[in-house]
Amino acid sequence: MNSTARPDNVMPENQAVLHILCGKIASGKSTLSRNLASPHCTVVLSEDTWLAHLYQDEMHTVADYLRCAARLRQAIAPHAISLLKAGVSVVLDFPANTVANREWMMSLITASGADHRLHYLNVPEDECKARLRVRNQAGTHPFSVTDEQFELISRHFVAPQPEEGFNVIIHA
């Protein structure tokens, strides 16, 4: 046996990566999540998909979304941590758009010991709104967002800051 061989009963180090997505509504987070997962053995956990299946009938306002999203984060956290600990990379298609949401995501990184990448989609607001209108018209997304809702939600957006400790990749 040479020095680089390992016994069969020793697992390799956890190579899992948690991909986190930050960007305003219709900035391309879900499209990027699919691209990040396609060439690798990576699981996408999509907030929009889960919310649509679990809470669609309960979500009529931004306050409803916040309540349901908080419940979903509680439920999905142990699953995401288990996947990462098992060595499975995860694309967390949940918005990392506020400091509080990113703190929750950092708790997943800490609990799992996984590596991470925070993908910041720095797309101009006008472009996001144009994409949103096309998406709403096409009906291909589980949720339709009005310009007023976009404005309300975007007021809470905070770009990632270096002191938060994330490995940031900027997509312009």
Protein backbone atom coordinates (compact mmCIF):
# COMPACT_ATOMS: atom_id res chain seq x y z
CA MET A 1 0.00 0.00 0.00
CA ASN A 2 1.43 3.39 -0.97
CA SER A 3 1.21 6.47 1.19
CA THR A 4 -1.76 7.97 -0.71
CA ALA A 5 -4.07 4.97 -0.33
CA ARG A 6 -6.65 4.97 2.42
CA PRO A 7 -8.36 2.01 4.07
CA ASP A 8 -11.83 1.21 2.69
CA ASN A 9 -13.53 1.96 6.00
CA VAL A 10 -12.24 5.57 6.15
CA MET A 11 -14.52 8.12 4.51
CA PRO A 12 -12.99 11.04 2.62
CA GLU A 13 -13.33 14.50 4.15
CA ASN A 14 -16.70 16.20 3.67
CA GLN A 15 -16.47 17.82 0.25
CA ALA A 16 -19.99 19.21 0.38
CA VAL A 17 -20.61 22.82 -0.57
CA LEU A 18 -23.60 24.92 0.44
CA HIS A 19 -24.44 27.33 -2.37
CA ILE A 20 -26.38 30.36 -1.14
CA LEU A 21 -28.15 32.83 -3.43
CA CYS A 22 -28.53 36.56 -2.86
CA GLY A 23 -30.35 38.83 -5.28
CA LYS A 24 -33.57 40.74 -5.67
CA ILE A 25 -36.74 39.13 -7.02
CA ALA A 26 -36.26 37.97 -10.64
CA SER A 27 -32.49 38.53 -10.54
CA GLY A 28 -31.93 34.95 -11.73
CA LYS A 29 -31.47 33.03 -8.48
CA SER A 30 -33.53 30.00 -9.52
CA THR A 31 -31.90 29.84 -12.94
CA LEU A 32 -28.46 29.96 -11.31
CA SER A 33 -29.49 27.28 -8.81
CA ARG A 34 -30.36 24.88 -11.63
CA ASN A 35 -27.04 25.65 -13.35
CA LEU A 36 -25.07 25.08 -10.14
CA ALA A 37 -26.72 21.71 -9.60
CA SER A 38 -26.70 20.33 -13.14
CA PRO A 39 -23.08 19.18 -13.59
CA HIS A 40 -22.63 17.90 -10.03
CA CYS A 41 -24.19 15.57 -7.53
CA THR A 42 -25.98 18.48 -5.91
CA VAL A 43 -29.46 18.84 -4.44
CA VAL A 44 -31.50 22.00 -4.98
CA LEU A 45 -33.77 23.03 -2.12
CA SER A 46 -36.10 25.65 -3.56
CA GLU A 47 -38.06 27.86 -1.19
CA ASP A 48 -40.58 28.77 -3.90
CA THR A 49 -41.27 25.14 -4.76
CA TRP A 50 -41.70 24.08 -1.14
CA LEU A 51 -43.84 27.12 -0.28
CA ALA A 52 -46.06 26.53 -3.31
CA HIS A 53 -46.65 22.90 -2.35
CA LEU A 54 -47.09 23.43 1.37
CA TYR A 55 -48.59 26.88 1.84
CA GLN A 56 -49.92 28.23 -1.48
CA ASP A 57 -53.46 28.63 -0.11
CA GLU A 58 -52.17 30.43 3.00
CA MET A 59 -50.03 33.04 1.25
CA HIS A 60 -51.82 36.20 0.16
CA THR A 61 -49.67 38.97 1.65
CA VAL A 62 -46.01 39.65 2.33
CA ALA A 63 -46.72 38.99 6.02
CA ASP A 64 -48.14 35.56 5.07
CA TYR A 65 -44.97 34.84 3.08
CA LEU A 66 -42.76 35.78 6.04
CA ARG A 67 -44.73 33.53 8.39
CA CYS A 68 -44.70 30.55 6.03
CA ALA A 69 -41.05 31.04 5.06
CA ALA A 70 -40.05 31.01 8.74
CA ARG A 71 -41.91 27.73 9.25
CA LEU A 72 -40.24 26.26 6.18
CA ARG A 73 -36.74 27.30 7.35
CA GLN A 74 -37.35 25.50 10.65
CA ALA A 75 -38.40 22.34 8.84
CA ILE A 76 -35.72 22.36 6.13
CA ALA A 77 -32.69 23.17 8.33
CA PRO A 78 -32.14 19.66 9.77
CA HIS A 79 -32.55 18.15 6.29
CA ALA A 80 -30.03 20.53 4.72
CA ILE A 81 -27.55 19.92 7.54
CA SER A 82 -27.94 16.14 7.16
CA LEU A 83 -27.33 16.31 3.41
CA LEU A 84 -24.23 18.45 3.88
CA LYS A 85 -22.86 16.22 6.64
CA ALA A 86 -23.36 13.23 4.32
CA GLY A 87 -21.18 14.94 1.73
CA VAL A 88 -23.99 16.02 -0.60
CA SER A 89 -23.69 19.57 -1.92
CA VAL A 90 -26.79 21.73 -1.63
CA VAL A 91 -28.02 24.74 -3.54
CA LEU A 92 -30.21 26.60 -1.07
CA ASP A 93 -32.54 28.51 -3.38
CA PHE A 94 -33.81 30.64 -0.50
CA PRO A 95 -33.19 34.39 -0.62
CA ALA A 96 -30.05 35.42 1.28
CA ASN A 97 -31.28 38.99 0.99
CA THR A 98 -31.23 40.11 4.60
CA VAL A 99 -28.68 39.86 7.38
CA ALA A 100 -31.13 37.73 9.40
CA ASN A 101 -31.61 35.23 6.56
CA ARG A 102 -27.85 35.01 6.06
CA GLU A 103 -27.35 34.44 9.80
CA TRP A 104 -29.68 31.45 9.52
CA MET A 105 -27.71 30.20 6.52
CA MET A 106 -24.42 30.65 8.38
CA SER A 107 -25.89 28.50 11.17
CA LEU A 108 -26.36 25.71 8.60
CA ILE A 109 -22.73 26.08 7.52
CA THR A 110 -21.52 26.00 11.12
CA ALA A 111 -23.69 23.01 12.09
CA SER A 112 -22.74 20.98 9.01
CA GLY A 113 -19.07 21.91 8.71
CA ALA A 114 -19.57 22.32 4.95
CA ASP A 115 -17.77 24.69 2.65
CA HIS A 116 -19.93 27.42 1.11
CA ARG A 117 -20.31 29.97 -1.67
CA LEU A 118 -22.62 32.96 -1.47
CA HIS A 119 -23.61 33.84 -5.04
CA TYR A 120 -24.57 37.52 -5.18
CA LEU A 121 -26.61 38.33 -8.29
CA ASN A 122 -26.01 42.07 -8.59
CA VAL A 123 -28.65 42.79 -11.24
CA PRO A 124 -30.05 46.32 -11.75
CA GLU A 125 -33.52 46.82 -10.31
CA ASP A 126 -35.00 47.85 -13.67
CA GLU A 127 -33.82 44.60 -15.22
CA CYS A 128 -35.29 42.58 -12.34
CA LYS A 129 -38.65 44.33 -12.77
CA ALA A 130 -38.63 43.69 -16.53
CA ARG A 131 -37.86 40.00 -15.93
CA LEU A 132 -40.56 39.87 -13.27
CA ARG A 133 -43.19 41.21 -15.65
CA VAL A 134 -42.23 38.63 -18.29
CA ARG A 135 -42.29 35.88 -15.65
CA ASN A 136 -45.71 37.00 -14.37
CA GLN A 137 -47.09 37.12 -17.93
CA ALA A 138 -45.73 33.65 -18.76
CA GLY A 139 -47.20 32.11 -15.60
CA THR A 140 -44.18 29.82 -15.27
CA HIS A 141 -43.39 30.71 -11.66
CA PRO A 142 -45.46 29.48 -8.72
CA PHE A 143 -45.95 33.05 -7.48
CA SER A 144 -46.88 36.28 -9.23
CA VAL A 145 -45.35 39.40 -7.69
CA THR A 146 -46.67 42.90 -8.35
CA ASP A 147 -44.45 45.96 -8.75
CA GLU A 148 -45.71 47.16 -5.37
CA GLN A 149 -44.75 43.87 -3.71
CA PHE A 150 -41.37 44.01 -5.43
CA GLU A 151 -40.80 47.49 -4.00
CA LEU A 152 -41.94 46.48 -0.52
CA ILE A 153 -39.72 43.40 -0.41
CA SER A 154 -36.74 45.15 -2.04
CA ARG A 155 -36.73 47.79 0.72
CA HIS A 156 -35.42 45.08 3.05
CA PHE A 157 -32.64 43.92 0.71
CA VAL A 158 -29.12 44.22 2.14
CA ALA A 159 -26.12 43.24 0.03
CA PRO A 160 -23.66 40.87 1.73
CA GLN A 161 -20.90 42.57 3.70
CA PRO A 162 -17.34 41.26 4.24
CA GLU A 163 -17.76 41.16 8.03
CA GLU A 164 -20.48 38.51 7.64
CA GLY A 165 -17.76 36.00 6.75
CA PHE A 166 -19.12 34.52 3.52
CA ASN A 167 -17.17 33.38 0.46
CA VAL A 168 -18.90 35.71 -2.00
CA ILE A 169 -19.02 35.24 -5.76
CA ILE A 170 -20.49 38.24 -7.58
CA HIS A 171 -22.59 37.67 -10.70
CA ALA A 172 -23.18 40.94 -12.54
